Amino acid sequence: MTEDIHLGERRLQPPTIDESLDQILNSSRFKGSAQLQTLLKYIVEGSINGHSDALKERIIGIDVFGRKSDYDTADDPIVRSRVGLLRKRLAQYYESEESRGSTVQIVIPNGSYRPTFIFRPEDSAAVSERHPASLLQDAVPHAAQENPEPETAHSVPRSSSAVWWLVLGVTACVLCVLALAAWAINAKWQKSELYLVWAPILENKRGVLLYTGTINPVYLPSEGNAARTSPASDQELPATSPSPLQERPSASTSDLVPLRDGLVPPGDIMADMKVAVLLNTYNRNLSLRYGSGLPFVDLKGSPTILIGAYDNYWTMELARDLPFFFDRGGRIRERGGKHRVWSSLARTDSTISEDYAVIFRLLDSKAGGPIIAISGLTTCGTQAAAEFMTDPLQLRKLASIPRNALESKNLEFVLHASLVNCTPTSVDIVGQQVW
């Protein structure tokens, strides 16, 4: 069942939107991509037919891209990727001459798959072709009807015509400014909490640096020891021979040499993957770095994402003076307020059922560029924090923070995560600061 679309004081019937949609689908930017044509038509028709609740990532993946009903949207971001490309093509279309005469602009806001329909004023070229009397009637319809001129006053001096054109020009400029302002306000309020939180990274023109620390040093036999103990070329290694990548094998330390960088914890790897998928969705270039030493010169000025806490020097350094910080005892502390303390405890089977994490976003850090840190007390907490930071539904929990602060203030949160085998089952905010 179709429904009317309201835009300000105008009521647009679906046929009006259909005409604009057909014009877009037949444009040069969409003719060569049947996939984008199908995707745009599906989203628009779903909205005007009252099926907006079905415009979700999984359903679009199944209906448009033929994915199975149980496919993992985190591992297969086909919908986010193609909708990102669709937004780019739509923007290019409305900047081109092909969009002339289109009365409706179709916009797909970031963080949503539900389209917004924006009324577009008529082109100035089309307006100039109309008769001056009709233009005046459009500009001041009520005045013309309520105060008709006497019949004897039908002769108008030429100087009055110039004044009328000036009034029309000013009126047209005011209408354009109001339309642009309405579009800008609408676009801002359509942004999701996810986009607002990540905006300083996503809108920065420099390449993004993703830095992950390492733990667990890896030991390898030294060159001299390897030469003394290597078997003859025609012999096979014993079946019980230990792998050279074991942590601290039982041998003399003089025969073993530690590698400069160790291993990346599994939760940190999952966090890297989550963040990389998000940045790829927004077509951001990403440089991945890991290890125990990242020079400050590499960090300075770049939009940076830090993964991990105790295994990441820069996370610990930048969080040292923040409202929530990591202490040396493996705890998160609150500097002021209630001076709360959060810690994770291991069970008798050496697993944990809960963990805590800190997320902070600094707009003007010591490094000179925007920084987001995602860090748990353990690698499980880091994974839970990354899932929270890349999930639009989870980030709606930040809706209590004013939108302008969410986009343009420093932020810090403490999260509590319930875990099953290191996998988060729920994540909640237990502390937050905005400044």
Protein backbone atom coordinates (compact mmCIF):
# COMPACT_ATOMS: atom_id res chain seq x y z
CA MET A 1 0.00 0.00 0.00
CA THR A 2 1.52 3.30 -1.05
CA GLU A 3 1.60 6.39 1.15
CA ASP A 4 2.04 10.12 0.56
CA ILE A 5 5.45 11.60 1.32
CA HIS A 6 5.47 14.94 3.19
CA LEU A 7 8.22 17.46 2.53
CA GLY A 8 7.70 20.67 4.48
CA GLU A 9 4.39 22.12 3.30
CA ARG A 10 4.37 20.03 0.15
CA ARG A 11 2.76 16.62 -0.24
CA LEU A 12 4.46 14.42 -2.82
CA GLN A 13 2.60 11.52 -4.34
CA PRO A 14 4.67 8.39 -5.07
CA PRO A 15 4.37 9.02 -8.85
CA THR A 16 6.42 12.19 -8.31
CA ILE A 17 9.17 10.15 -6.66
CA ASP A 18 8.86 7.44 -9.33
CA GLU A 19 9.56 10.02 -12.03
CA SER A 20 12.74 11.15 -10.26
CA LEU A 21 13.75 7.53 -9.71
CA ASP A 22 13.32 6.67 -13.41
CA GLN A 23 15.41 9.72 -14.34
CA ILE A 24 18.21 8.55 -12.03
CA LEU A 25 18.13 4.93 -13.24
CA ASN A 26 18.42 6.09 -16.87
CA SER A 27 21.33 8.45 -16.15
CA SER A 28 24.87 7.72 -17.29
CA ARG A 29 26.03 7.04 -13.72
CA PHE A 30 23.55 4.21 -13.20
CA LYS A 31 22.98 2.72 -16.65
CA GLY A 32 26.15 0.66 -16.48
CA SER A 33 25.45 -0.89 -13.07
CA ALA A 34 22.44 -3.18 -12.90
CA GLN A 35 23.31 -3.97 -9.27
CA LEU A 36 23.11 -0.34 -8.15
CA GLN A 37 19.91 0.15 -10.17
CA THR A 38 18.29 -2.80 -8.42
CA LEU A 39 19.51 -1.67 -5.00
CA LEU A 40 18.24 1.93 -5.40
CA LYS A 41 14.88 0.78 -6.78
CA TYR A 42 14.48 -1.69 -3.90
CA ILE A 43 15.21 0.94 -1.24
CA VAL A 44 12.99 3.66 -2.75
CA GLU A 45 10.04 1.39 -3.54
CA GLY A 46 10.28 -0.23 -0.11
CA SER A 47 9.96 3.21 1.48
CA ILE A 48 7.07 4.57 -0.59
CA ASN A 49 5.18 1.26 -0.34
CA GLY A 50 5.27 1.37 3.45
CA HIS A 51 7.91 -1.35 3.90
CA SER A 52 10.50 0.81 5.67
CA ASP A 53 10.87 -1.70 8.50
CA ALA A 54 12.25 -4.21 5.97
CA LEU A 55 15.07 -1.85 4.92
CA LYS A 56 17.67 -3.57 7.09
CA GLU A 57 21.09 -4.85 6.19
CA ARG A 58 20.32 -8.57 6.44
CA ILE A 59 17.02 -8.35 4.53
CA ILE A 60 18.61 -6.27 1.76
CA GLY A 61 21.48 -8.76 1.54
CA ILE A 62 18.99 -11.61 1.08
CA ASP A 63 16.53 -9.90 -1.30
CA VAL A 64 18.95 -7.88 -3.46
CA PHE A 65 22.26 -9.76 -3.32
CA GLY A 66 20.99 -13.32 -2.93
CA ARG A 67 22.67 -14.05 0.39
CA LYS A 68 21.46 -16.93 2.57
CA SER A 69 19.11 -16.10 5.42
CA ASP A 70 21.75 -16.93 8.07
CA TYR A 71 24.69 -15.12 6.49
CA ASP A 72 27.03 -13.18 8.79
CA THR A 73 26.78 -9.44 8.02
CA ALA A 74 30.04 -8.79 9.89
CA ASP A 75 32.01 -11.15 7.63
CA ASP A 76 30.15 -10.14 4.47
CA PRO A 77 29.63 -6.33 4.37
CA ILE A 78 28.25 -6.39 0.81
CA VAL A 79 25.24 -4.22 1.71
CA ARG A 80 27.25 -1.54 3.54
CA SER A 81 29.81 -1.45 0.73
CA ARG A 82 27.27 -1.14 -2.08
CA VAL A 83 25.09 1.40 -0.25
CA GLY A 84 28.24 3.49 0.35
CA LEU A 85 28.91 3.41 -3.40
CA LEU A 86 25.24 4.21 -4.05
CA ARG A 87 25.46 7.36 -1.89
CA LYS A 88 28.52 8.46 -3.87
CA ARG A 89 26.82 7.91 -7.25
CA LEU A 90 23.69 9.79 -6.11
CA ALA A 91 25.82 12.75 -5.00
CA GLN A 92 27.60 12.77 -8.39
CA TYR A 93 24.27 12.59 -10.20
CA TYR A 94 22.77 15.60 -8.39
CA GLU A 95 25.91 17.61 -9.14
CA SER A 96 25.58 16.89 -12.86
CA GLU A 97 23.47 18.46 -15.60
CA GLU A 98 21.44 15.25 -15.83
CA SER A 99 19.58 16.13 -12.64
CA ARG A 100 18.09 19.34 -14.12
CA GLY A 101 14.32 19.30 -13.85
CA SER A 102 14.24 16.71 -11.08
CA THR A 103 11.86 17.98 -8.39
CA VAL A 104 12.87 15.45 -5.72
CA GLN A 105 16.32 14.61 -4.37
CA ILE A 106 16.72 11.09 -3.01
CA VAL A 107 19.16 10.91 -0.10
CA ILE A 108 20.24 7.80 1.85
CA PRO A 109 21.58 9.12 5.18
CA ASN A 110 24.73 7.61 6.65
CA GLY A 111 23.99 4.84 9.12
CA SER A 112 20.55 4.11 7.60
CA TYR A 113 19.04 2.35 4.62
CA ARG A 114 15.80 4.37 4.68
CA PRO A 115 15.78 7.12 2.01
CA THR A 116 14.95 10.76 2.62
CA PHE A 117 13.14 12.72 -0.09
CA ILE A 118 14.04 16.41 -0.36
CA PHE A 119 12.09 18.91 -2.49
CA ARG A 120 14.32 20.68 -4.98
CA PRO A 121 13.39 24.22 -6.15
CA GLU A 122 12.99 24.65 -9.90
CA ASP A 123 16.12 25.42 -11.90
CA SER A 124 16.80 29.11 -12.37
CA ALA A 125 16.91 28.61 -16.17
CA ALA A 126 13.41 27.13 -16.14
CA VAL A 127 12.16 29.96 -13.92
CA SER A 128 13.51 32.66 -16.26
CA GLU A 129 11.52 31.24 -19.19
CA ARG A 130 8.21 31.80 -17.42
CA HIS A 131 6.15 34.98 -17.84
CA PRO A 132 6.93 37.73 -15.30
CA ALA A 133 3.27 37.91 -14.25
CA SER A 134 3.25 34.21 -13.27
CA LEU A 135 6.50 34.67 -11.32
CA LEU A 136 4.99 37.55 -9.37
CA GLN A 137 1.88 35.50 -8.67
CA ASP A 138 4.05 32.68 -7.26
CA ALA A 139 6.02 35.07 -5.07
CA VAL A 140 3.11 37.05 -3.59
CA PRO A 141 -0.10 35.10 -4.37
CA HIS A 142 -2.20 36.34 -1.46
CA ALA A 143 -1.35 40.04 -1.91
CA ALA A 144 -2.30 39.90 -5.58
CA GLN A 145 -5.68 38.31 -4.87
CA GLU A 146 -6.67 40.34 -1.80
CA ASN A 147 -5.63 43.77 -3.20
CA PRO A 148 -6.48 43.83 -6.92
CA GLU A 149 -5.44 46.89 -8.88
CA PRO A 150 -8.19 49.15 -10.26
CA GLU A 151 -8.93 48.61 -13.92
CA THR A 152 -7.72 52.10 -14.77
CA ALA A 153 -4.25 51.30 -13.44
CA HIS A 154 -3.36 48.78 -16.12
CA SER A 155 -0.40 50.75 -17.45
CA VAL A 156 2.82 50.02 -15.50
CA PRO A 157 5.93 52.20 -15.92
CA ARG A 158 9.11 50.43 -17.01
CA SER A 159 10.88 51.36 -13.79
CA SER A 160 8.31 49.30 -11.83
CA SER A 161 9.21 46.23 -13.88
CA ALA A 162 12.82 46.48 -12.75
CA VAL A 163 11.70 46.66 -9.12
CA TRP A 164 9.55 43.59 -9.61
CA TRP A 165 12.50 41.65 -11.01
CA LEU A 166 14.61 42.74 -8.04
CA VAL A 167 11.93 41.51 -5.61
CA LEU A 168 11.74 38.21 -7.47
CA GLY A 169 15.51 37.79 -7.40
CA VAL A 170 15.71 38.44 -3.66
CA THR A 171 12.78 36.08 -3.04
CA ALA A 172 14.43 33.32 -5.09
CA CYS A 173 17.72 33.74 -3.18
CA VAL A 174 15.94 33.57 0.18
CA LEU A 175 14.08 30.42 -0.87
CA CYS A 176 17.33 28.77 -2.00
CA VAL A 177 19.08 29.63 1.28
CA LEU A 178 16.16 28.26 3.29
CA ALA A 179 16.11 25.08 1.22
CA LEU A 180 19.86 24.54 1.69
CA ALA A 181 19.59 25.22 5.43
CA ALA A 182 16.73 22.75 5.75
CA TRP A 183 18.71 20.14 3.83
CA ALA A 184 21.79 20.67 6.03
CA ILE A 185 19.79 20.43 9.26
CA ASN A 186 17.99 17.34 8.01
CA ALA A 187 21.27 15.69 6.96
CA LYS A 188 22.87 16.37 10.35
CA TRP A 189 19.96 14.94 12.29
CA GLN A 190 19.85 11.91 10.03
CA LYS A 191 23.41 10.98 11.00
CA SER A 192 23.54 7.96 13.29
CA GLU A 193 25.33 7.90 16.63
CA LEU A 194 27.93 5.64 15.00
CA TYR A 195 28.77 8.26 12.37
CA LEU A 196 28.86 11.10 14.91
CA VAL A 197 31.28 9.21 17.17
CA TRP A 198 33.56 8.28 14.27
CA ALA A 199 33.16 11.57 12.36
CA PRO A 200 36.58 13.05 13.38
CA ILE A 201 38.25 9.95 11.88
CA LEU A 202 35.96 9.47 8.87
CA GLU A 203 35.99 13.12 7.80
CA ASN A 204 39.74 13.62 8.20
CA LYS A 205 41.47 13.74 4.81
CA ARG A 206 44.67 12.05 6.00
CA GLY A 207 45.13 8.28 5.96
CA VAL A 208 44.04 6.45 9.10
CA LEU A 209 46.62 4.66 11.28
CA LEU A 210 45.45 1.52 13.13
CA TYR A 211 48.01 0.53 15.77
CA THR A 212 47.87 -2.67 17.84
CA GLY A 213 50.35 -3.61 20.56
CA THR A 214 51.77 -7.09 21.13
CA ILE A 215 52.34 -9.44 24.05
CA ASN A 216 53.85 -12.89 24.61
CA PRO A 217 57.43 -12.65 23.29
CA VAL A 218 58.37 -15.39 20.81
CA TYR A 219 61.75 -17.15 21.09
CA LEU A 220 63.74 -18.69 18.23
CA PRO A 221 67.04 -20.65 18.31
CA SER A 222 70.08 -18.48 17.76
CA GLU A 223 72.09 -18.92 14.55
CA GLY A 224 74.94 -20.69 16.32
CA ASN A 225 72.66 -23.03 18.22
CA ALA A 226 70.66 -23.81 15.08
CA ALA A 227 73.88 -24.85 13.29
CA ARG A 228 74.93 -27.14 16.18
CA THR A 229 71.56 -28.83 16.56
CA SER A 230 70.28 -29.01 12.96
CA PRO A 231 69.88 -32.61 11.75
CA ALA A 232 71.68 -33.98 8.71
CA SER A 233 70.07 -33.21 5.40
CA ASP A 234 69.02 -36.84 4.85
CA GLN A 235 67.39 -37.18 8.30
CA GLU A 236 63.89 -36.29 9.37
CA LEU A 237 63.05 -34.26 12.45
CA PRO A 238 61.72 -36.38 15.33
CA ALA A 239 57.95 -36.46 15.62
CA THR A 240 58.17 -35.00 19.11
CA SER A 241 60.41 -32.11 18.12
CA PRO A 242 59.00 -28.84 19.55
CA SER A 243 57.95 -26.02 17.24
CA PRO A 244 60.45 -23.12 17.15
CA LEU A 245 57.52 -20.73 17.78
CA GLN A 246 56.69 -22.10 21.22
CA GLU A 247 56.80 -19.57 24.04
CA ARG A 248 60.04 -20.00 25.99
CA PRO A 249 60.92 -23.64 25.15
CA SER A 250 62.80 -25.55 27.81
CA ALA A 251 66.33 -24.72 26.76
CA SER A 252 69.15 -22.54 27.86
CA THR A 253 68.40 -18.85 27.37
CA SER A 254 71.81 -18.48 25.76
CA ASP A 255 70.60 -20.70 22.91
CA LEU A 256 67.38 -18.71 22.35
CA VAL A 257 66.84 -15.24 20.97
CA PRO A 258 63.54 -13.33 21.56
CA LEU A 259 61.94 -11.73 18.53
CA ARG A 260 61.57 -7.98 18.75
CA ASP A 261 57.75 -8.17 18.53
CA GLY A 262 55.56 -10.86 20.03
CA LEU A 263 52.06 -12.06 19.29
CA VAL A 264 48.87 -10.08 18.84
CA PRO A 265 46.14 -11.31 21.23
CA PRO A 266 43.11 -12.91 19.51
CA GLY A 267 40.64 -10.34 20.87
CA ASP A 268 42.82 -7.53 19.50
CA ILE A 269 42.83 -9.23 16.09
CA MET A 270 39.03 -9.38 16.14
CA ALA A 271 38.97 -5.69 17.09
CA ASP A 272 41.28 -4.88 14.14
CA MET A 273 38.92 -6.71 11.78
CA LYS A 274 35.82 -4.92 13.10
CA VAL A 275 37.43 -1.50 12.72
CA ALA A 276 38.86 -2.31 9.28
CA VAL A 277 35.42 -3.36 7.99
CA LEU A 278 33.89 -0.11 9.30
CA LEU A 279 36.54 2.08 7.68
CA ASN A 280 36.25 0.17 4.41
CA THR A 281 32.51 0.84 4.43
CA TYR A 282 33.28 4.56 4.41
CA ASN A 283 36.07 4.15 1.81
CA ARG A 284 38.84 5.27 4.18
CA ASN A 285 42.48 4.31 3.56
CA LEU A 286 43.97 2.32 6.44
CA SER A 287 47.56 1.69 7.50
CA LEU A 288 47.91 -1.23 9.93
CA ARG A 289 50.83 -1.20 12.38
CA TYR A 290 51.65 -3.50 15.29
CA GLY A 291 54.54 -4.20 17.58
CA SER A 292 56.15 -2.88 20.71
CA GLY A 293 57.57 0.31 19.22
CA LEU A 294 55.68 2.90 17.21
CA PRO A 295 57.70 6.13 16.78
CA PHE A 296 55.93 9.30 17.82
CA VAL A 297 56.70 10.85 14.44
CA ASP A 298 54.52 8.16 12.79
CA LEU A 299 51.68 8.92 15.16
CA LYS A 300 51.82 12.70 15.01
CA GLY A 301 49.09 14.41 13.04
CA SER A 302 47.42 11.25 11.69
CA PRO A 303 43.90 10.19 12.65
CA THR A 304 44.75 7.18 14.80
CA ILE A 305 42.94 4.18 16.26
CA LEU A 306 44.64 2.40 19.16
CA ILE A 307 43.76 -1.21 20.00
CA GLY A 308 44.55 -2.72 23.42
CA ALA A 309 45.58 -1.28 26.79
CA TYR A 310 48.47 -2.84 28.74
CA ASP A 311 50.02 -4.17 25.51
CA ASN A 312 49.77 -0.77 23.80
CA TYR A 313 52.18 1.92 25.01
CA TRP A 314 50.31 4.82 23.39
CA THR A 315 46.96 3.85 24.90
CA MET A 316 48.49 3.86 28.37
CA GLU A 317 50.37 7.10 27.74
CA LEU A 318 47.40 9.04 26.39
CA ALA A 319 44.95 7.72 29.01
CA ARG A 320 47.22 8.57 31.92
CA ASP A 321 45.55 11.92 32.70
CA LEU A 322 42.00 11.10 31.56
CA PRO A 323 38.94 10.74 33.84
CA PHE A 324 39.17 6.93 33.55
CA PHE A 325 42.60 5.29 33.46
CA PHE A 326 44.35 1.91 33.83
CA ASP A 327 46.43 1.38 36.95
CA ARG A 328 49.38 -0.99 37.35
CA GLY A 329 47.28 -3.55 39.22
CA GLY A 330 45.15 -4.47 36.22
CA ARG A 331 42.23 -2.22 37.17
CA ILE A 332 40.32 0.72 35.70
CA ARG A 333 40.01 3.69 38.05
CA GLU A 334 37.90 6.83 38.09
CA ARG A 335 40.02 9.91 38.80
CA GLY A 336 37.25 12.06 40.31
CA GLY A 337 33.57 11.71 41.06
CA LYS A 338 32.89 8.53 43.03
CA HIS A 339 36.44 7.20 42.56
CA ARG A 340 35.06 3.91 41.30
CA VAL A 341 37.27 0.93 40.51
CA TRP A 342 36.55 -1.87 38.02
CA SER A 343 38.46 -5.15 37.68
CA SER A 344 38.07 -8.60 36.12
CA LEU A 345 38.46 -11.81 38.13
CA ALA A 346 39.45 -15.21 36.76
CA ARG A 347 37.33 -18.24 37.65
CA THR A 348 38.74 -21.55 38.87
CA ASP A 349 38.86 -22.84 35.27
CA SER A 350 41.08 -19.87 34.28
CA THR A 351 38.31 -18.18 32.28
CA ILE A 352 36.42 -14.94 32.91
CA SER A 353 32.68 -14.32 32.74
CA GLU A 354 32.94 -10.53 32.59
CA ASP A 355 35.42 -7.85 31.63
CA TYR A 356 35.71 -4.08 31.56
CA ALA A 357 36.99 -1.77 28.84
CA VAL A 358 37.75 1.89 28.25
CA ILE A 359 36.98 3.75 25.03
CA PHE A 360 38.18 7.31 24.59
CA ARG A 361 38.11 9.78 21.73
CA LEU A 362 40.44 12.77 21.82
CA LEU A 363 40.03 15.49 19.21
CA ASP A 364 43.19 17.42 20.09
CA SER A 365 45.61 14.88 21.54
CA LYS A 366 49.32 15.12 22.26
CA ALA A 367 49.84 13.56 18.85
CA GLY A 368 48.07 16.45 17.12
CA GLY A 369 45.35 14.43 15.40
CA PRO A 370 42.06 12.81 16.46
CA ILE A 371 42.51 9.53 18.33
CA ILE A 372 40.11 6.75 19.25
CA ALA A 373 41.32 4.08 21.69
CA ILE A 374 39.52 0.74 22.15
CA SER A 375 41.01 -1.10 25.10
CA GLY A 376 39.91 -3.79 27.55
CA LEU A 377 41.48 -5.06 30.76
CA THR A 378 41.95 -8.30 28.82
CA THR A 379 41.87 -9.17 25.14
CA CYS A 380 38.23 -10.28 25.63
CA GLY A 381 37.28 -6.80 26.83
CA THR A 382 39.03 -5.25 23.83
CA GLN A 383 36.98 -7.43 21.48
CA ALA A 384 33.74 -6.49 23.28
CA ALA A 385 34.61 -2.77 23.10
CA ALA A 386 35.32 -3.01 19.35
CA GLU A 387 31.98 -4.70 18.72
CA PHE A 388 30.28 -1.94 20.71
CA MET A 389 32.07 0.82 18.75
CA THR A 390 31.21 -0.64 15.33
CA ASP A 391 27.57 -1.59 15.97
CA PRO A 392 25.00 1.17 15.18
CA LEU A 393 22.43 -0.44 17.48
CA GLN A 394 24.85 -0.58 20.43
CA LEU A 395 25.91 3.03 19.93
CA ARG A 396 22.31 4.17 20.27
CA LYS A 397 22.99 3.82 23.99
CA LEU A 398 24.80 7.16 23.61
CA ALA A 399 21.58 8.93 22.55
CA SER A 400 21.41 10.72 25.92
CA ILE A 401 24.48 12.77 24.94
CA PRO A 402 23.65 15.90 22.87
CA ARG A 403 24.40 15.29 19.21
CA ASN A 404 26.71 18.28 18.86
CA ALA A 405 28.75 17.00 21.84
CA LEU A 406 28.78 13.49 20.41
CA GLU A 407 30.37 14.86 17.25
CA SER A 408 32.65 17.62 18.53
CA LYS A 409 33.66 16.93 22.15
CA ASN A 410 36.19 14.64 23.82
CA LEU A 411 34.54 11.42 25.00
CA GLU A 412 35.44 8.60 27.38
CA PHE A 413 33.37 5.56 28.40
CA VAL A 414 33.81 2.58 30.69
CA LEU A 415 32.05 -0.56 29.43
CA HIS A 416 31.02 -3.74 31.24
CA ALA A 417 30.87 -6.86 29.07
CA SER A 418 29.32 -10.22 29.93
CA LEU A 419 31.30 -13.03 28.28
CA VAL A 420 30.92 -16.64 27.21
CA ASN A 421 34.22 -18.18 26.08
CA CYS A 422 35.62 -14.66 25.59
CA THR A 423 32.72 -13.74 23.29
CA PRO A 424 30.60 -10.78 24.47
CA THR A 425 26.92 -11.50 25.03
CA SER A 426 26.01 -8.00 26.29
CA VAL A 427 27.80 -4.68 26.71
CA ASP A 428 26.66 -1.80 28.92
CA ILE A 429 28.01 1.67 29.72
CA VAL A 430 28.92 2.00 33.41
CA GLY A 431 30.79 5.31 33.27
CA GLN A 432 31.08 8.20 30.84
CA GLN A 433 32.63 11.68 30.59
CA VAL A 434 32.22 14.38 27.96
CA TRP A 435 34.36 17.53 27.86
